[in-house]
N, C-alpha and C. Protein backbone atom coordinates (compact mmCIF):
# COMPACT_ATOMS: atom_id res chain seq x y z
N MET A 1 -76.51 137.47 -127.42
CA MET A 1 -75.90 136.28 -126.88
C MET A 1 -74.50 136.64 -126.42
N LEU A 2 -74.09 136.19 -125.25
CA LEU A 2 -72.78 136.48 -124.72
C LEU A 2 -71.77 135.45 -125.19
N PHE A 3 -70.58 135.93 -125.51
CA PHE A 3 -69.49 135.07 -125.93
C PHE A 3 -68.33 135.30 -124.98
N LYS A 4 -67.56 134.26 -124.72
CA LYS A 4 -66.36 134.46 -123.92
C LYS A 4 -65.25 133.58 -124.45
N LYS A 5 -64.04 134.06 -124.29
CA LYS A 5 -62.88 133.32 -124.77
C LYS A 5 -62.49 132.31 -123.71
N THR A 6 -62.20 131.08 -124.14
CA THR A 6 -61.86 130.01 -123.23
C THR A 6 -60.42 129.58 -123.48
N TRP A 7 -59.62 129.46 -122.43
CA TRP A 7 -58.25 128.95 -122.52
C TRP A 7 -58.11 127.89 -121.45
N LEU A 8 -58.05 126.64 -121.84
CA LEU A 8 -57.93 125.52 -120.92
C LEU A 8 -56.94 124.51 -121.46
N ILE A 9 -56.40 123.67 -120.60
CA ILE A 9 -55.60 122.55 -121.08
C ILE A 9 -56.47 121.31 -121.03
N ALA A 10 -56.35 120.48 -122.01
CA ALA A 10 -57.17 119.28 -122.10
C ALA A 10 -56.26 118.07 -122.23
N PRO A 11 -55.64 117.63 -121.13
CA PRO A 11 -54.70 116.51 -121.23
C PRO A 11 -55.35 115.22 -121.72
N ALA A 12 -56.58 114.94 -121.34
CA ALA A 12 -57.23 113.71 -121.78
C ALA A 12 -57.43 113.73 -123.29
N ALA A 13 -57.89 114.87 -123.81
CA ALA A 13 -58.08 114.99 -125.25
C ALA A 13 -56.74 114.92 -125.97
N ALA A 14 -55.72 115.54 -125.40
CA ALA A 14 -54.39 115.51 -126.01
C ALA A 14 -53.85 114.08 -126.06
N MET A 15 -54.07 113.31 -125.01
CA MET A 15 -53.61 111.93 -124.98
C MET A 15 -54.37 111.12 -126.03
N PHE A 16 -55.68 111.38 -126.13
CA PHE A 16 -56.50 110.66 -127.10
C PHE A 16 -56.02 110.93 -128.53
N LEU A 17 -55.67 112.18 -128.81
CA LEU A 17 -55.20 112.56 -130.13
C LEU A 17 -53.73 112.24 -130.34
N GLY A 18 -53.02 111.82 -129.29
CA GLY A 18 -51.61 111.52 -129.40
C GLY A 18 -50.76 112.76 -129.44
N THR A 19 -51.24 113.82 -128.85
CA THR A 19 -50.48 115.06 -128.85
C THR A 19 -50.05 115.39 -127.44
N GLY A 20 -49.04 116.23 -127.32
CA GLY A 20 -48.55 116.63 -126.01
C GLY A 20 -49.37 117.74 -125.41
N ALA A 21 -49.86 118.64 -126.22
CA ALA A 21 -50.66 119.75 -125.73
C ALA A 21 -51.69 120.09 -126.79
N LEU A 22 -52.87 120.38 -126.36
CA LEU A 22 -53.93 120.76 -127.27
C LEU A 22 -54.19 122.23 -127.02
N LEU A 23 -53.96 123.06 -128.02
CA LEU A 23 -54.15 124.49 -127.89
C LEU A 23 -55.39 124.87 -128.67
N PHE A 24 -56.29 125.62 -128.05
CA PHE A 24 -57.49 126.02 -128.76
C PHE A 24 -58.15 127.18 -128.07
N ALA A 25 -58.65 128.08 -128.83
CA ALA A 25 -59.44 129.18 -128.28
C ALA A 25 -60.44 129.58 -129.33
N GLN A 26 -61.60 129.94 -128.89
CA GLN A 26 -62.57 130.47 -129.82
C GLN A 26 -63.60 131.25 -129.05
N ASP A 27 -64.20 132.22 -129.72
CA ASP A 27 -65.29 132.98 -129.15
C ASP A 27 -66.57 132.39 -129.69
N LYS A 28 -67.27 131.65 -128.85
CA LYS A 28 -68.54 131.08 -129.26
C LYS A 28 -69.31 130.68 -128.02
N PRO A 29 -70.62 130.56 -128.11
CA PRO A 29 -71.38 130.15 -126.95
C PRO A 29 -71.05 128.71 -126.59
N ALA A 30 -71.23 128.39 -125.31
CA ALA A 30 -70.99 127.02 -124.86
C ALA A 30 -71.98 126.11 -125.58
N ALA A 31 -71.45 125.18 -126.33
CA ALA A 31 -72.27 124.23 -127.08
C ALA A 31 -71.38 123.06 -127.44
N ASP A 32 -71.98 121.98 -127.89
CA ASP A 32 -71.18 120.84 -128.31
C ASP A 32 -70.38 121.22 -129.54
N LYS A 33 -69.10 120.83 -129.54
CA LYS A 33 -68.22 121.10 -130.67
C LYS A 33 -68.14 119.85 -131.53
N PRO A 34 -67.98 120.03 -132.86
CA PRO A 34 -67.82 118.85 -133.71
C PRO A 34 -66.60 118.05 -133.28
N ALA A 35 -66.63 116.75 -133.48
CA ALA A 35 -65.58 115.85 -133.00
C ALA A 35 -64.23 116.11 -133.64
N ASP A 36 -64.19 116.71 -134.84
CA ASP A 36 -62.90 116.91 -135.48
C ASP A 36 -62.29 118.27 -135.16
N LYS A 37 -62.87 118.99 -134.20
CA LYS A 37 -62.29 120.24 -133.74
C LYS A 37 -61.64 120.00 -132.38
N PRO A 38 -60.58 120.74 -132.06
CA PRO A 38 -60.01 120.61 -130.73
C PRO A 38 -61.00 121.10 -129.69
N ALA A 39 -60.94 120.55 -128.48
CA ALA A 39 -61.96 120.83 -127.49
C ALA A 39 -61.59 121.90 -126.48
N ALA A 40 -60.31 122.22 -126.31
CA ALA A 40 -59.91 123.20 -125.31
C ALA A 40 -58.60 123.82 -125.71
N ALA A 41 -58.07 124.73 -124.89
CA ALA A 41 -56.83 125.42 -125.22
C ALA A 41 -55.87 125.43 -124.06
N ALA A 42 -54.60 125.55 -124.39
CA ALA A 42 -53.57 125.69 -123.37
C ALA A 42 -52.77 126.94 -123.68
N ASP A 43 -52.42 127.69 -122.66
CA ASP A 43 -51.60 128.87 -122.84
C ASP A 43 -50.16 128.45 -122.56
N LYS A 44 -49.57 127.74 -123.52
CA LYS A 44 -48.24 127.15 -123.38
C LYS A 44 -47.29 127.84 -124.33
N PRO A 45 -46.14 128.32 -123.87
CA PRO A 45 -45.22 128.98 -124.78
C PRO A 45 -44.69 128.02 -125.83
N ALA A 46 -44.41 128.54 -127.00
CA ALA A 46 -43.84 127.72 -128.07
C ALA A 46 -42.42 127.33 -127.71
N ASP A 47 -41.99 126.16 -128.20
CA ASP A 47 -40.64 125.68 -127.91
C ASP A 47 -39.59 126.43 -128.70
N LYS A 48 -39.98 127.00 -129.85
CA LYS A 48 -39.05 127.72 -130.71
C LYS A 48 -39.70 129.04 -131.10
N PRO A 49 -38.92 130.02 -131.53
CA PRO A 49 -39.54 131.25 -132.04
C PRO A 49 -40.44 130.90 -133.21
N ALA A 50 -41.66 131.42 -133.20
CA ALA A 50 -42.62 131.00 -134.21
C ALA A 50 -42.88 132.04 -135.28
N ASP A 51 -42.43 133.26 -135.12
CA ASP A 51 -42.85 134.32 -136.01
C ASP A 51 -41.78 134.79 -136.98
N LYS A 52 -40.83 133.95 -137.34
CA LYS A 52 -39.74 134.40 -138.19
C LYS A 52 -40.22 134.88 -139.56
N ASN A 53 -41.31 134.31 -140.08
CA ASN A 53 -41.76 134.75 -141.39
C ASN A 53 -43.07 135.53 -141.32
N ALA A 54 -43.51 135.87 -140.15
CA ALA A 54 -44.77 136.59 -140.00
C ALA A 54 -44.55 138.09 -140.16
N ALA A 55 -45.59 138.78 -140.60
CA ALA A 55 -45.50 140.22 -140.74
C ALA A 55 -45.31 140.87 -139.38
N GLY A 56 -45.91 140.31 -138.33
CA GLY A 56 -45.65 140.74 -136.97
C GLY A 56 -46.50 141.89 -136.49
N GLU A 57 -46.70 142.92 -137.27
CA GLU A 57 -47.50 144.05 -136.85
C GLU A 57 -48.74 144.12 -137.72
N THR A 58 -49.86 144.48 -137.11
CA THR A 58 -51.10 144.60 -137.87
C THR A 58 -50.91 145.58 -139.01
N GLY A 59 -51.29 145.14 -140.20
CA GLY A 59 -51.22 145.99 -141.38
C GLY A 59 -49.88 145.97 -142.10
N LYS A 60 -48.84 145.43 -141.49
CA LYS A 60 -47.53 145.39 -142.12
C LYS A 60 -47.44 144.14 -143.01
N THR A 61 -46.90 144.32 -144.21
CA THR A 61 -46.72 143.20 -145.12
C THR A 61 -45.24 142.85 -145.20
N THR A 62 -44.95 141.55 -145.10
CA THR A 62 -43.60 141.03 -145.24
C THR A 62 -43.58 140.12 -146.45
N THR A 63 -42.54 140.24 -147.26
CA THR A 63 -42.34 139.34 -148.39
C THR A 63 -41.18 138.42 -148.06
N THR A 64 -41.41 137.12 -148.10
CA THR A 64 -40.37 136.14 -147.78
C THR A 64 -39.45 135.95 -148.98
N ALA A 65 -38.35 135.24 -148.77
CA ALA A 65 -37.39 134.98 -149.84
C ALA A 65 -38.03 134.22 -151.01
N SER A 66 -39.06 133.42 -150.73
CA SER A 66 -39.73 132.64 -151.78
C SER A 66 -40.74 133.46 -152.57
N GLY A 67 -41.03 134.69 -152.12
CA GLY A 67 -41.98 135.54 -152.81
C GLY A 67 -43.36 135.59 -152.18
N LEU A 68 -43.58 134.84 -151.12
CA LEU A 68 -44.85 134.85 -150.40
C LEU A 68 -45.01 136.18 -149.68
N LYS A 69 -46.18 136.80 -149.79
CA LYS A 69 -46.47 138.04 -149.07
C LYS A 69 -47.42 137.72 -147.92
N ILE A 70 -47.04 138.14 -146.71
CA ILE A 70 -47.84 137.89 -145.51
C ILE A 70 -48.21 139.23 -144.89
N THR A 71 -49.50 139.45 -144.72
CA THR A 71 -50.00 140.65 -144.05
C THR A 71 -50.78 140.21 -142.83
N THR A 72 -50.38 140.68 -141.65
CA THR A 72 -51.13 140.39 -140.43
C THR A 72 -52.31 141.36 -140.37
N VAL A 73 -53.51 140.80 -140.33
CA VAL A 73 -54.74 141.60 -140.31
C VAL A 73 -55.19 141.79 -138.87
N GLN A 74 -55.04 140.74 -138.05
CA GLN A 74 -55.41 140.81 -136.63
C GLN A 74 -54.37 140.01 -135.86
N GLU A 75 -53.72 140.67 -134.89
CA GLU A 75 -52.69 140.01 -134.10
C GLU A 75 -53.29 139.21 -132.95
N ALA A 76 -52.49 138.30 -132.42
CA ALA A 76 -52.84 137.55 -131.21
C ALA A 76 -51.56 137.38 -130.40
N LYS A 77 -51.67 137.08 -129.12
CA LYS A 77 -50.50 137.04 -128.25
C LYS A 77 -50.14 135.64 -127.75
N ASN A 78 -50.90 134.63 -128.08
CA ASN A 78 -50.66 133.28 -127.57
C ASN A 78 -49.59 132.57 -128.41
N PRO A 79 -49.22 131.33 -128.09
CA PRO A 79 -48.17 130.62 -128.83
C PRO A 79 -48.51 130.42 -130.31
N GLY A 80 -47.50 130.50 -131.14
CA GLY A 80 -47.68 130.34 -132.58
C GLY A 80 -47.51 128.91 -133.04
N ALA A 81 -48.06 128.61 -134.20
CA ALA A 81 -48.00 127.26 -134.78
C ALA A 81 -46.60 126.97 -135.30
N LEU A 82 -46.17 125.73 -135.11
CA LEU A 82 -44.88 125.25 -135.57
C LEU A 82 -45.08 124.15 -136.59
N ALA A 83 -44.09 123.93 -137.45
CA ALA A 83 -44.14 122.80 -138.38
C ALA A 83 -44.32 121.53 -137.56
N GLY A 84 -45.22 120.67 -137.98
CA GLY A 84 -45.53 119.44 -137.27
C GLY A 84 -46.79 119.54 -136.42
N ASP A 85 -47.25 120.77 -136.13
CA ASP A 85 -48.49 120.96 -135.39
C ASP A 85 -49.69 120.62 -136.27
N ILE A 86 -50.74 120.14 -135.66
CA ILE A 86 -52.03 119.98 -136.34
C ILE A 86 -52.75 121.31 -136.14
N VAL A 87 -53.22 121.91 -137.22
CA VAL A 87 -53.87 123.22 -137.12
C VAL A 87 -55.26 123.17 -137.73
N TRP A 88 -56.11 124.05 -137.22
CA TRP A 88 -57.46 124.25 -137.74
C TRP A 88 -57.55 125.71 -138.16
N VAL A 89 -57.90 125.95 -139.42
CA VAL A 89 -58.01 127.32 -139.93
C VAL A 89 -59.32 127.51 -140.68
N HIS A 90 -59.81 128.74 -140.65
CA HIS A 90 -60.86 129.15 -141.57
C HIS A 90 -60.16 129.96 -142.65
N TYR A 91 -60.62 129.82 -143.89
CA TYR A 91 -59.97 130.51 -144.99
C TYR A 91 -60.97 130.86 -146.07
N THR A 92 -60.61 131.86 -146.86
CA THR A 92 -61.29 132.16 -148.11
C THR A 92 -60.20 132.38 -149.14
N GLY A 93 -60.26 131.61 -150.24
CA GLY A 93 -59.28 131.71 -151.31
C GLY A 93 -59.86 132.46 -152.49
N LYS A 94 -59.07 133.43 -153.00
CA LYS A 94 -59.52 134.25 -154.13
C LYS A 94 -58.42 134.35 -155.17
N LEU A 95 -58.83 134.58 -156.39
CA LEU A 95 -57.90 134.94 -157.45
C LEU A 95 -57.63 136.44 -157.35
N THR A 96 -56.62 136.95 -158.05
CA THR A 96 -56.33 138.38 -157.99
C THR A 96 -57.48 139.22 -158.56
N SER A 97 -58.36 138.61 -159.34
CA SER A 97 -59.55 139.30 -159.86
C SER A 97 -60.60 139.51 -158.78
N GLY A 98 -60.42 138.82 -157.62
CA GLY A 98 -61.39 138.89 -156.54
C GLY A 98 -62.36 137.73 -156.53
N LYS A 99 -62.33 136.89 -157.56
CA LYS A 99 -63.23 135.74 -157.64
C LYS A 99 -62.86 134.72 -156.56
N VAL A 100 -63.84 134.37 -155.71
CA VAL A 100 -63.64 133.37 -154.66
C VAL A 100 -63.71 131.99 -155.29
N PHE A 101 -62.67 131.17 -155.04
CA PHE A 101 -62.68 129.81 -155.58
C PHE A 101 -62.91 128.76 -154.51
N ASP A 102 -62.73 129.11 -153.23
CA ASP A 102 -63.00 128.15 -152.15
C ASP A 102 -63.04 128.89 -150.82
N SER A 103 -63.79 128.34 -149.87
CA SER A 103 -63.88 128.93 -148.53
C SER A 103 -64.39 127.89 -147.54
N SER A 104 -63.81 127.89 -146.36
CA SER A 104 -64.31 127.02 -145.29
C SER A 104 -65.34 127.76 -144.45
N VAL A 105 -65.40 129.07 -144.58
CA VAL A 105 -66.24 129.90 -143.71
C VAL A 105 -67.71 129.51 -143.79
N GLY A 106 -68.26 129.36 -144.96
CA GLY A 106 -69.67 129.01 -145.11
C GLY A 106 -69.97 127.56 -144.81
N LYS A 107 -68.94 126.73 -144.70
CA LYS A 107 -69.14 125.31 -144.44
C LYS A 107 -69.33 125.01 -142.96
N GLY A 108 -69.07 126.00 -142.09
CA GLY A 108 -69.30 125.83 -140.66
C GLY A 108 -68.28 124.97 -139.95
N LYS A 109 -67.20 124.61 -140.61
CA LYS A 109 -66.21 123.73 -140.02
C LYS A 109 -64.83 124.15 -140.52
N PRO A 110 -63.88 124.40 -139.61
CA PRO A 110 -62.55 124.79 -140.07
C PRO A 110 -61.83 123.65 -140.79
N PHE A 111 -60.84 124.02 -141.60
CA PHE A 111 -60.02 123.06 -142.33
C PHE A 111 -58.87 122.63 -141.42
N LYS A 112 -58.62 121.32 -141.35
CA LYS A 112 -57.61 120.74 -140.47
C LYS A 112 -56.50 120.12 -141.30
N PHE A 113 -55.23 120.39 -140.91
CA PHE A 113 -54.09 119.75 -141.57
C PHE A 113 -52.87 119.82 -140.67
N THR A 114 -51.85 119.05 -141.01
CA THR A 114 -50.60 119.07 -140.27
C THR A 114 -49.66 120.03 -140.98
N LEU A 115 -49.22 121.05 -140.27
CA LEU A 115 -48.39 122.11 -140.82
C LEU A 115 -46.99 121.61 -141.17
N GLY A 116 -46.51 121.98 -142.35
CA GLY A 116 -45.15 121.67 -142.77
C GLY A 116 -44.94 120.26 -143.27
N GLN A 117 -46.02 119.53 -143.56
CA GLN A 117 -45.90 118.14 -144.00
C GLN A 117 -46.30 117.94 -145.46
N GLY A 118 -46.50 119.03 -146.19
CA GLY A 118 -46.85 118.91 -147.60
C GLY A 118 -48.28 118.50 -147.87
N GLU A 119 -49.16 118.64 -146.88
CA GLU A 119 -50.57 118.29 -147.06
C GLU A 119 -51.34 119.39 -147.79
N VAL A 120 -50.75 120.57 -147.86
CA VAL A 120 -51.38 121.73 -148.49
C VAL A 120 -50.35 122.36 -149.43
N ILE A 121 -50.75 123.40 -150.15
CA ILE A 121 -49.80 124.07 -151.04
C ILE A 121 -48.66 124.68 -150.23
N LYS A 122 -47.51 124.85 -150.87
CA LYS A 122 -46.31 125.35 -150.20
C LYS A 122 -46.53 126.71 -149.55
N GLY A 123 -47.32 127.56 -150.18
CA GLY A 123 -47.59 128.89 -149.64
C GLY A 123 -48.28 128.84 -148.28
N TRP A 124 -49.12 127.83 -148.07
CA TRP A 124 -49.76 127.66 -146.76
C TRP A 124 -48.76 127.12 -145.74
N ASP A 125 -47.99 126.10 -146.12
CA ASP A 125 -47.01 125.54 -145.19
C ASP A 125 -46.03 126.62 -144.72
N GLU A 126 -45.70 127.55 -145.58
CA GLU A 126 -44.79 128.63 -145.21
C GLU A 126 -45.51 129.77 -144.49
N GLY A 127 -46.66 130.17 -144.99
CA GLY A 127 -47.34 131.37 -144.50
C GLY A 127 -48.12 131.21 -143.21
N ILE A 128 -48.39 129.97 -142.80
CA ILE A 128 -49.17 129.75 -141.59
C ILE A 128 -48.27 129.49 -140.38
N VAL A 129 -46.99 129.16 -140.62
CA VAL A 129 -46.04 128.99 -139.51
C VAL A 129 -46.02 130.28 -138.69
N GLY A 130 -46.12 130.13 -137.39
CA GLY A 130 -46.08 131.29 -136.50
C GLY A 130 -47.44 131.91 -136.21
N MET A 131 -48.47 131.52 -136.96
CA MET A 131 -49.80 132.08 -136.67
C MET A 131 -50.25 131.64 -135.29
N LYS A 132 -50.93 132.54 -134.63
CA LYS A 132 -51.42 132.30 -133.28
C LYS A 132 -52.94 132.15 -133.33
N ILE A 133 -53.49 131.45 -132.37
CA ILE A 133 -54.94 131.27 -132.30
C ILE A 133 -55.60 132.64 -132.21
N GLY A 134 -56.54 132.88 -133.10
CA GLY A 134 -57.24 134.17 -133.17
C GLY A 134 -56.60 135.14 -134.14
N GLU A 135 -55.39 134.85 -134.62
CA GLU A 135 -54.72 135.73 -135.58
C GLU A 135 -55.33 135.56 -136.96
N LYS A 136 -55.35 136.66 -137.71
CA LYS A 136 -55.82 136.64 -139.09
C LYS A 136 -54.71 137.18 -139.97
N ARG A 137 -54.51 136.49 -141.10
CA ARG A 137 -53.50 136.92 -142.07
C ARG A 137 -54.08 136.88 -143.48
N GLN A 138 -53.49 137.69 -144.33
CA GLN A 138 -53.74 137.62 -145.76
C GLN A 138 -52.46 137.08 -146.39
N LEU A 139 -52.57 136.03 -147.15
CA LEU A 139 -51.44 135.44 -147.84
C LEU A 139 -51.61 135.68 -149.34
N THR A 140 -50.59 136.26 -149.97
CA THR A 140 -50.58 136.41 -151.42
C THR A 140 -49.54 135.42 -151.91
N ILE A 141 -50.00 134.39 -152.58
CA ILE A 141 -49.16 133.23 -152.90
C ILE A 141 -48.85 133.22 -154.40
N PRO A 142 -47.55 133.35 -154.74
CA PRO A 142 -47.18 133.29 -156.16
C PRO A 142 -47.40 131.89 -156.71
N PRO A 143 -47.53 131.76 -158.03
CA PRO A 143 -47.84 130.45 -158.64
C PRO A 143 -46.92 129.31 -158.20
N GLU A 144 -45.63 129.58 -158.05
CA GLU A 144 -44.70 128.52 -157.70
C GLU A 144 -44.91 127.98 -156.28
N LEU A 145 -45.63 128.71 -155.44
CA LEU A 145 -45.97 128.23 -154.09
C LEU A 145 -47.43 127.78 -154.02
N GLY A 146 -48.13 127.86 -155.15
CA GLY A 146 -49.53 127.44 -155.23
C GLY A 146 -49.66 126.23 -156.13
N TYR A 147 -50.40 126.40 -157.24
CA TYR A 147 -50.64 125.29 -158.16
C TYR A 147 -49.81 125.39 -159.44
N GLY A 148 -48.93 126.39 -159.51
CA GLY A 148 -47.99 126.51 -160.63
C GLY A 148 -48.65 126.62 -161.97
N GLU A 149 -47.97 126.08 -162.97
CA GLU A 149 -48.46 126.16 -164.35
C GLU A 149 -49.55 125.14 -164.66
N ARG A 150 -49.84 124.24 -163.73
CA ARG A 150 -50.90 123.25 -163.99
C ARG A 150 -52.28 123.78 -163.58
N GLY A 151 -52.33 124.75 -162.64
CA GLY A 151 -53.61 125.22 -162.16
C GLY A 151 -54.31 124.14 -161.35
N ALA A 152 -55.58 124.33 -161.06
CA ALA A 152 -56.35 123.34 -160.29
C ALA A 152 -57.80 123.37 -160.74
N GLY A 153 -58.19 122.34 -161.46
CA GLY A 153 -59.58 122.23 -161.91
C GLY A 153 -59.98 123.39 -162.79
N ASN A 154 -61.26 123.72 -162.75
CA ASN A 154 -61.80 124.82 -163.55
C ASN A 154 -61.71 126.16 -162.84
N ASP A 155 -61.44 126.15 -161.53
CA ASP A 155 -61.49 127.38 -160.75
C ASP A 155 -60.17 128.14 -160.67
N ILE A 156 -59.03 127.43 -160.75
CA ILE A 156 -57.73 128.08 -160.61
C ILE A 156 -56.95 127.88 -161.91
N PRO A 157 -56.78 128.95 -162.68
CA PRO A 157 -56.09 128.82 -163.97
C PRO A 157 -54.58 128.60 -163.79
N PRO A 158 -53.92 128.09 -164.82
CA PRO A 158 -52.47 127.94 -164.77
C PRO A 158 -51.79 129.29 -164.49
N GLY A 159 -50.74 129.25 -163.68
CA GLY A 159 -49.96 130.45 -163.38
C GLY A 159 -50.64 131.46 -162.48
N ALA A 160 -51.69 131.06 -161.76
CA ALA A 160 -52.46 132.00 -160.94
C ALA A 160 -51.76 132.35 -159.63
N THR A 161 -51.77 133.64 -159.30
CA THR A 161 -51.40 134.11 -157.97
C THR A 161 -52.65 133.98 -157.13
N LEU A 162 -52.52 133.39 -155.95
CA LEU A 162 -53.67 133.14 -155.07
C LEU A 162 -53.63 134.06 -153.87
N MET A 163 -54.80 134.48 -153.43
CA MET A 163 -54.91 135.33 -152.23
C MET A 163 -55.82 134.61 -151.24
N PHE A 164 -55.31 134.44 -150.02
CA PHE A 164 -56.08 133.77 -148.98
C PHE A 164 -56.22 134.65 -147.76
N ASP A 165 -57.44 134.75 -147.25
CA ASP A 165 -57.69 135.32 -145.92
C ASP A 165 -57.76 134.12 -145.00
N VAL A 166 -56.89 134.07 -143.99
CA VAL A 166 -56.77 132.90 -143.12
C VAL A 166 -56.91 133.33 -141.66
N GLU A 167 -57.69 132.58 -140.88
CA GLU A 167 -57.81 132.79 -139.44
C GLU A 167 -57.45 131.50 -138.73
N MET A 168 -56.52 131.58 -137.77
CA MET A 168 -56.12 130.41 -136.99
C MET A 168 -57.18 130.15 -135.93
N ILE A 169 -57.75 128.96 -135.97
CA ILE A 169 -58.81 128.57 -135.03
C ILE A 169 -58.26 127.69 -133.92
N GLY A 170 -57.36 126.76 -134.23
CA GLY A 170 -56.84 125.86 -133.21
C GLY A 170 -55.50 125.27 -133.59
N ILE A 171 -54.74 124.85 -132.55
CA ILE A 171 -53.42 124.24 -132.73
C ILE A 171 -53.32 123.06 -131.78
N ALA A 172 -52.87 121.91 -132.28
CA ALA A 172 -52.55 120.76 -131.43
C ALA A 172 -51.08 120.47 -131.64
N ARG A 173 -50.32 120.45 -130.55
CA ARG A 173 -48.88 120.25 -130.63
C ARG A 173 -48.53 118.83 -130.25
N PRO A 174 -47.87 118.06 -131.15
CA PRO A 174 -47.46 116.71 -130.81
C PRO A 174 -46.50 116.70 -129.61
N ALA A 175 -46.50 115.59 -128.89
CA ALA A 175 -45.70 115.46 -127.66
C ALA A 175 -44.21 115.59 -127.92
N ASN A 176 -43.75 115.25 -129.11
CA ASN A 176 -42.31 115.28 -129.39
C ASN A 176 -41.79 116.66 -129.78
N GLN A 177 -42.63 117.70 -129.73
CA GLN A 177 -42.16 119.05 -130.08
C GLN A 177 -41.94 119.87 -128.84
């Protein structure tokens, strides 16, 4: 089956979602997309530098002031995500033992959230800023940027360092950015 990368602007979809630009790219056959995924992409430069906390080079690991470790696994050249953007990511979360505690990959639908608004753990809000569509990162998140001493349910123990493999699938930029 042939796959091709699509980069288009979708002003009607952006207006419907209340965003200024809808950025999206994916390698997949032409088929109907689920309604909660962005429908097209725009090759629009970011309004601000987006990669201040990114590792930047494939294989290079950067540790931020908060202790978050970011390793770029696969680079991309399009605009990066900014705080306030709606993003779609695929992820797999693991403990340092390698035990997988959650993943969107097998669910067939990326996870959607607004970046920098506290909808996810702090390590994601920090580590996903600057990611570009098609980019893959590994985030090693210390407990204070994850679930801390409380843990989460039966799968994430108190004080756990979390490891996430994350792939940026889509970005929607609000009109005011």
